[in-house]
Protein backbone atom coordinates (compact mmCIF):
# COMPACT_ATOMS: atom_id res chain seq x y z
CA MET A 1 -7.25 1.21 23.50
CA LYS A 2 -8.46 -1.91 23.27
CA ILE A 3 -6.89 -5.24 21.61
CA VAL A 4 -8.53 -7.82 20.02
CA GLU A 5 -7.66 -11.34 18.89
CA THR A 6 -10.76 -12.69 17.32
CA ALA A 7 -13.12 -11.71 14.54
CA ALA A 8 -16.64 -12.61 16.80
CA GLU A 9 -14.92 -10.36 19.60
CA LEU A 10 -14.63 -7.59 17.60
CA ARG A 11 -17.89 -8.09 15.66
CA GLN A 12 -18.95 -7.68 19.53
CA TYR A 13 -17.21 -4.66 20.38
CA LEU A 14 -18.13 -2.81 17.99
CA LYS A 15 -22.07 -3.51 17.64
CA PRO A 16 -22.94 -0.88 20.00
CA LEU A 17 -20.13 1.82 18.73
CA ARG A 18 -22.33 1.72 15.39
CA ILE A 19 -24.79 3.85 16.54
CA ASN A 20 -24.80 7.23 15.07
CA ARG A 21 -20.60 6.51 15.00
CA GLU A 22 -18.53 6.24 11.78
CA ILE A 23 -16.01 3.73 12.02
CA GLY A 24 -12.31 4.10 10.06
CA PHE A 25 -10.33 1.51 9.20
CA VAL A 26 -6.63 1.14 8.79
CA PRO A 27 -5.53 -1.78 7.36
CA THR A 28 -1.87 -2.58 8.40
CA MET A 29 0.77 -5.38 8.59
CA GLY A 30 2.23 -4.18 11.86
CA TYR A 31 5.98 -2.39 12.03
CA LEU A 32 3.94 0.90 12.00
CA HIS A 33 5.79 3.96 10.82
CA GLU A 34 4.92 7.50 10.10
CA GLY A 35 3.20 5.93 7.31
CA HIS A 36 0.97 4.19 8.98
CA LEU A 37 0.23 6.63 11.81
CA SER A 38 -0.52 9.96 9.30
CA LEU A 39 -3.40 7.18 7.74
CA VAL A 40 -4.85 6.99 11.98
CA ARG A 41 -4.48 10.67 11.75
CA ARG A 42 -6.97 10.81 8.69
CA ALA A 43 -9.12 8.32 9.92
CA LYS A 44 -9.39 10.26 13.49
CA GLN A 45 -9.88 13.98 11.38
CA GLU A 46 -13.53 11.47 9.77
CA CYS A 47 -14.52 9.12 11.97
CA GLN A 48 -15.47 8.70 15.82
CA THR A 49 -13.95 5.30 15.96
CA VAL A 50 -10.94 4.60 14.56
CA VAL A 51 -10.22 0.29 14.44
CA MET A 52 -6.64 -0.81 13.25
CA SER A 53 -5.44 -4.37 12.65
CA ILE A 54 -1.89 -5.43 12.47
CA PHE A 55 -2.12 -8.80 10.53
CA VAL A 56 1.12 -10.39 8.57
CA ASN A 57 -0.72 -12.05 5.53
CA PRO A 58 0.80 -15.40 4.07
CA LEU A 59 -1.39 -15.28 1.37
CA GLN A 60 0.14 -12.13 -0.36
CA PHE A 61 3.79 -13.30 -0.39
CA GLY A 62 5.39 -15.82 -3.13
CA PRO A 63 7.52 -18.70 -2.54
CA GLY A 64 11.50 -17.25 -1.22
CA GLU A 65 9.99 -13.66 -0.15
CA ASP A 66 10.08 -12.37 3.30
CA PHE A 67 7.20 -13.85 5.09
CA ASP A 68 9.27 -15.39 7.77
CA ARG A 69 11.58 -12.36 8.11
CA TYR A 70 8.99 -9.63 8.13
CA PRO A 71 9.46 -7.44 11.01
CA ARG A 72 6.79 -7.77 13.56
CA ASP A 73 6.92 -6.16 16.89
CA LEU A 74 3.32 -5.99 18.54
CA GLU A 75 4.01 -4.15 21.89
CA ARG A 76 6.03 -1.64 20.09
CA ASP A 77 3.17 -1.38 17.30
CA ALA A 78 0.41 -1.41 20.21
CA ALA A 79 2.69 1.90 22.07
CA LEU A 80 2.44 3.84 18.39
CA ALA A 81 -1.06 2.91 17.77
CA ARG A 82 -2.41 4.20 21.11
CA GLN A 83 -0.78 7.42 21.04
CA ALA A 84 -1.80 8.00 17.32
CA GLY A 85 -5.38 7.62 18.95
CA VAL A 86 -6.17 4.17 17.41
CA ASP A 87 -9.65 3.25 19.38
CA VAL A 88 -9.66 -0.73 18.84
CA LEU A 89 -7.00 -2.92 17.72
CA PHE A 90 -7.34 -6.05 15.41
CA TYR A 91 -4.93 -8.32 15.82
CA PRO A 92 -5.77 -11.77 14.26
CA SER A 93 -3.45 -15.03 14.23
CA VAL A 94 -3.10 -16.75 10.78
CA ASP A 95 -5.52 -19.15 12.23
CA GLU A 96 -7.77 -17.02 13.17
CA MET A 97 -8.29 -15.50 9.38
CA TYR A 98 -7.58 -18.84 7.33
CA GLY A 99 -8.17 -21.67 10.08
CA GLU A 100 -7.55 -24.88 8.42
CA GLY A 101 -7.13 -22.69 4.40
CA THR A 102 -9.49 -21.15 2.73
CA LEU A 103 -11.31 -22.09 -0.42
CA THR A 104 -12.43 -19.02 -1.23
CA THR A 105 -10.42 -16.44 -2.61
CA VAL A 106 -10.78 -12.54 -4.52
CA GLN A 107 -9.26 -12.00 -7.78
CA VAL A 108 -9.43 -9.04 -9.45
CA ARG A 109 -8.18 -8.89 -13.26
CA LYS A 110 -6.73 -6.26 -15.00
CA VAL A 111 -5.47 -3.77 -12.22
CA SER A 112 -3.66 -6.59 -10.60
CA GLU A 113 -1.74 -8.17 -13.67
CA PRO A 114 0.50 -5.00 -14.00
CA LEU A 115 3.68 -3.73 -12.19
CA CYS A 116 4.11 -5.65 -8.82
CA GLY A 117 1.18 -8.51 -10.24
CA ALA A 118 3.18 -9.28 -13.16
CA SER A 119 6.83 -10.03 -10.75
CA ARG A 120 4.29 -10.88 -7.79
CA PRO A 121 1.85 -13.50 -9.61
CA GLY A 122 -1.03 -14.42 -6.95
CA HIS A 123 0.04 -11.54 -4.71
CA PHE A 124 -2.78 -9.24 -5.26
CA ASP A 125 -5.37 -12.51 -4.61
CA GLY A 126 -4.09 -12.39 -1.37
CA VAL A 127 -4.48 -8.86 -0.77
CA ALA A 128 -7.72 -8.29 -2.12
CA THR A 129 -9.16 -11.63 -0.08
CA VAL A 130 -8.14 -10.63 3.02
CA VAL A 131 -9.29 -7.01 2.72
CA ALA A 132 -12.06 -8.42 2.19
CA LYS A 133 -12.13 -10.59 5.14
CA LEU A 134 -10.82 -7.73 7.03
CA PHE A 135 -14.19 -5.43 5.12
CA ASN A 136 -16.49 -7.93 6.34
CA ILE A 137 -15.29 -8.82 9.94
CA VAL A 138 -14.36 -4.66 10.69
CA GLY A 139 -17.66 -3.23 8.60
CA PRO A 140 -16.25 0.07 8.14
CA ASP A 141 -17.68 3.27 7.09
CA ARG A 142 -14.29 4.06 6.00
CA ALA A 143 -10.77 2.58 5.19
CA TYR A 144 -7.37 4.67 4.71
CA PHE A 145 -4.86 3.25 2.31
CA GLY A 146 -1.11 5.13 1.50
CA LEU A 147 -0.75 5.79 -2.03
CA LYS A 148 2.65 4.25 -1.57
CA ASP A 149 0.63 1.10 -2.91
CA ALA A 150 -0.91 2.91 -5.29
CA GLN A 151 -1.92 -1.04 -7.41
CA GLN A 152 -2.81 -1.93 -4.29
CA VAL A 153 -4.97 0.80 -4.10
CA ALA A 154 -6.27 0.91 -7.50
CA VAL A 155 -7.15 -2.89 -6.87
CA ILE A 156 -9.13 -2.59 -3.79
CA GLU A 157 -10.88 0.16 -5.18
CA ARG A 158 -12.58 -1.87 -8.10
CA MET A 159 -12.74 -4.65 -5.55
CA VAL A 160 -15.53 -2.39 -3.68
CA GLN A 161 -16.75 -1.27 -6.61
CA ASP A 162 -17.45 -4.43 -8.27
CA LEU A 163 -18.60 -6.10 -5.49
CA HIS A 164 -20.68 -2.95 -3.77
CA PHE A 165 -18.77 -3.11 -0.12
CA PRO A 166 -20.68 -0.43 1.43
CA VAL A 167 -17.03 1.08 2.35
CA THR A 168 -15.29 4.44 1.12
CA ILE A 169 -11.77 4.02 -0.01
CA VAL A 170 -9.86 7.27 0.95
CA PRO A 171 -6.31 6.94 -0.60
CA CYS A 172 -3.87 9.00 1.36
CA PRO A 173 -0.59 10.74 0.19
CA ILE A 174 2.82 8.99 0.39
CA VAL A 175 4.68 10.09 3.27
CA ARG A 176 8.54 9.94 2.99
CA GLU A 177 11.63 11.13 4.89
CA ALA A 178 12.87 14.54 4.60
CA ASP A 179 15.76 12.89 2.05
CA GLY A 180 12.32 11.89 -0.19
CA LEU A 181 12.65 8.17 0.85
CA ALA A 182 9.25 6.35 0.74
CA LEU A 183 8.70 5.49 4.09
CA SER A 184 8.00 1.42 4.68
CA SER A 185 8.50 -1.51 7.25
CA ARG A 186 10.89 -3.09 4.77
CA ASN A 187 13.60 -0.35 4.56
CA VAL A 188 14.90 -1.17 8.31
CA TYR A 189 16.47 -4.33 6.35
CA LEU A 190 18.64 -1.26 4.08
CA SER A 191 22.23 -1.20 4.96
CA GLU A 192 24.15 2.40 5.37
CA THR A 193 24.63 2.26 1.56
CA GLU A 194 21.59 0.70 0.09
CA ARG A 195 19.34 3.36 1.76
CA GLU A 196 21.43 6.24 0.45
CA GLN A 197 21.60 4.63 -3.40
CA ALA A 198 17.41 3.80 -3.06
CA LEU A 199 17.29 8.02 -3.22
CA ILE A 200 17.54 7.52 -6.23
CA LEU A 201 14.28 6.25 -6.61
CA SER A 202 12.22 9.34 -5.50
CA ARG A 203 14.76 11.17 -7.23
CA SER A 204 14.04 10.29 -11.13
CA LEU A 205 10.42 10.32 -10.70
CA ARG A 206 10.34 13.82 -9.64
CA GLU A 207 12.92 15.10 -12.24
CA ALA A 208 10.78 13.11 -14.78
CA GLU A 209 7.76 14.96 -13.74
CA GLU A 210 9.83 17.88 -13.83
CA LYS A 211 10.95 16.85 -17.84
CA LEU A 212 7.19 15.72 -18.28
CA LYS A 213 5.49 18.79 -17.43
CA HIS A 214 8.17 20.94 -19.41
CA GLY A 215 7.99 19.24 -22.51
CA GLU A 216 11.52 17.57 -22.30
CA LEU A 217 9.24 14.20 -22.19
CA GLU A 218 6.48 13.09 -23.79
CA HIS A 219 5.63 9.47 -24.62
CA ALA A 220 5.54 6.36 -22.14
CA GLU A 221 8.47 5.35 -23.65
CA GLU A 222 10.31 8.28 -22.88
CA ILE A 223 9.74 8.48 -19.32
CA LYS A 224 10.61 4.54 -18.97
CA GLU A 225 13.84 5.04 -20.47
CA TYR A 226 14.53 8.37 -18.44
CA VAL A 227 13.86 6.86 -14.86
CA ARG A 228 15.44 3.77 -15.71
CA ARG A 229 18.30 4.93 -16.77
CA ARG A 230 18.83 7.03 -14.17
CA ILE A 231 18.22 4.51 -11.50
CA SER A 232 20.95 2.32 -12.93
CA THR A 233 23.51 4.70 -12.34
CA MET A 234 23.47 3.17 -8.90
CA PRO A 235 25.51 -0.16 -8.88
CA LEU A 236 23.57 -1.67 -6.19
CA ALA A 237 20.22 -1.01 -7.79
CA GLU A 238 19.10 -4.17 -9.20
CA ILE A 239 15.35 -3.44 -11.40
CA ASP A 240 12.39 -5.21 -11.31
CA TYR A 241 10.24 -3.00 -13.34
CA VAL A 242 10.08 0.92 -14.53
CA GLU A 243 6.66 1.72 -15.53
CA ALA A 244 4.26 4.49 -16.95
CA LEU A 245 0.43 4.18 -16.87
CA THR A 246 -2.48 5.01 -16.98
CA TYR A 247 -4.16 5.65 -13.23
CA PRO A 248 -6.36 3.60 -11.55
CA ASP A 249 -7.19 1.68 -14.15
CA LEU A 250 -3.47 0.70 -15.14
CA GLU A 251 -3.41 1.09 -18.91
CA PRO A 252 -0.61 1.51 -21.78
CA PHE A 253 -0.36 5.07 -22.89
CA PHE A 254 1.70 6.59 -25.58
CA ARG A 255 1.51 10.01 -25.42
CA TRP A 256 1.07 11.89 -22.01
CA GLU A 257 -1.26 15.08 -23.16
CA GLY A 258 -2.26 15.75 -19.23
CA GLN A 259 -4.17 12.72 -18.17
CA ARG A 260 -3.64 11.22 -14.65
CA VAL A 261 -0.93 8.41 -14.98
CA ILE A 262 1.43 6.12 -12.67
CA VAL A 263 4.85 6.75 -12.83
CA ALA A 264 5.91 3.08 -10.73
CA VAL A 265 9.46 1.42 -10.06
CA ALA A 266 9.92 -2.01 -8.08
CA VAL A 267 13.85 -1.86 -7.81
CA LYS A 268 16.00 -4.14 -5.64
CA PHE A 269 18.81 -2.92 -3.52
CA GLY A 270 20.47 -5.94 -1.45
CA ALA A 271 17.62 -8.46 -0.89
CA THR A 272 15.21 -5.91 0.03
CA ARG A 273 12.98 -4.82 -2.74
CA LEU A 274 11.24 -1.42 -2.53
CA ILE A 275 8.33 0.15 -5.01
CA ASP A 276 7.84 3.97 -5.26
CA ASN A 277 5.44 6.03 -7.78
CA LEU A 278 4.33 9.11 -8.08
CA LEU A 279 0.43 10.38 -9.67
CA ILE A 280 1.05 13.21 -12.69
CA GLY A 281 -2.01 14.99 -13.76
CA GLY A 282 -5.27 14.68 -14.02
CA ARG A 283 -7.97 16.97 -12.28
CA GLU A 284 -6.19 15.66 -8.91
CA ASP A 285 -2.79 16.99 -9.48
């Protein structure tokens, strides 16, 4: 595995590898876990060269968020990436990505506005901007994203569609611990009690899915109220949002009639904000 720190070196290194070979790309912010590694394995199945980036992107963190304390460990991450079969690890600095600053940003309206977009203004502008830059640097044929950040996937898919990026976005299923907790680099912040109570997120989503499919819930407001009430049984849970929307358009709906929808939550346990979601219905379900 080769580790590259500049865009110019990465482009030069990848140039001969493009000949009759597909390049798969896994963008991350590091502190890798099984969710990231599952994306690498999928990329290895479908592409001849796999590039992973590790970059904690300051543009997607708001004031008072955890940019400075976001976990970082390049030596650990490089070892995991190498074991998983990554061919090239791109590890740029903030200065390499943004220099003295950036006057150009990418904004994807509508799909970026609900859910995390409502509670974290500017977050998805930062996501779209850095992913656009990474796509231009790496030039991948396929890019792999986990559906734990399903809104992020929707934003990136729309950006790729609108700006005609020559890349196929490959959404991949959420990877969970055996007890149901969605894998996240931020899970390391949780105390034992907080982690135990955080299991209510996946439980409430699965319960809502069962009730929806058995006709016990029908309307979006009923779904949201059920999940909110279940999460509120945990004393440490501080709810940011509970939402039910169409997917990937992220539009409100009145009654579930088998269409593709997302039930999404963001909840703080102590100082740690966790997100989780479930996609229900539609042709892919």
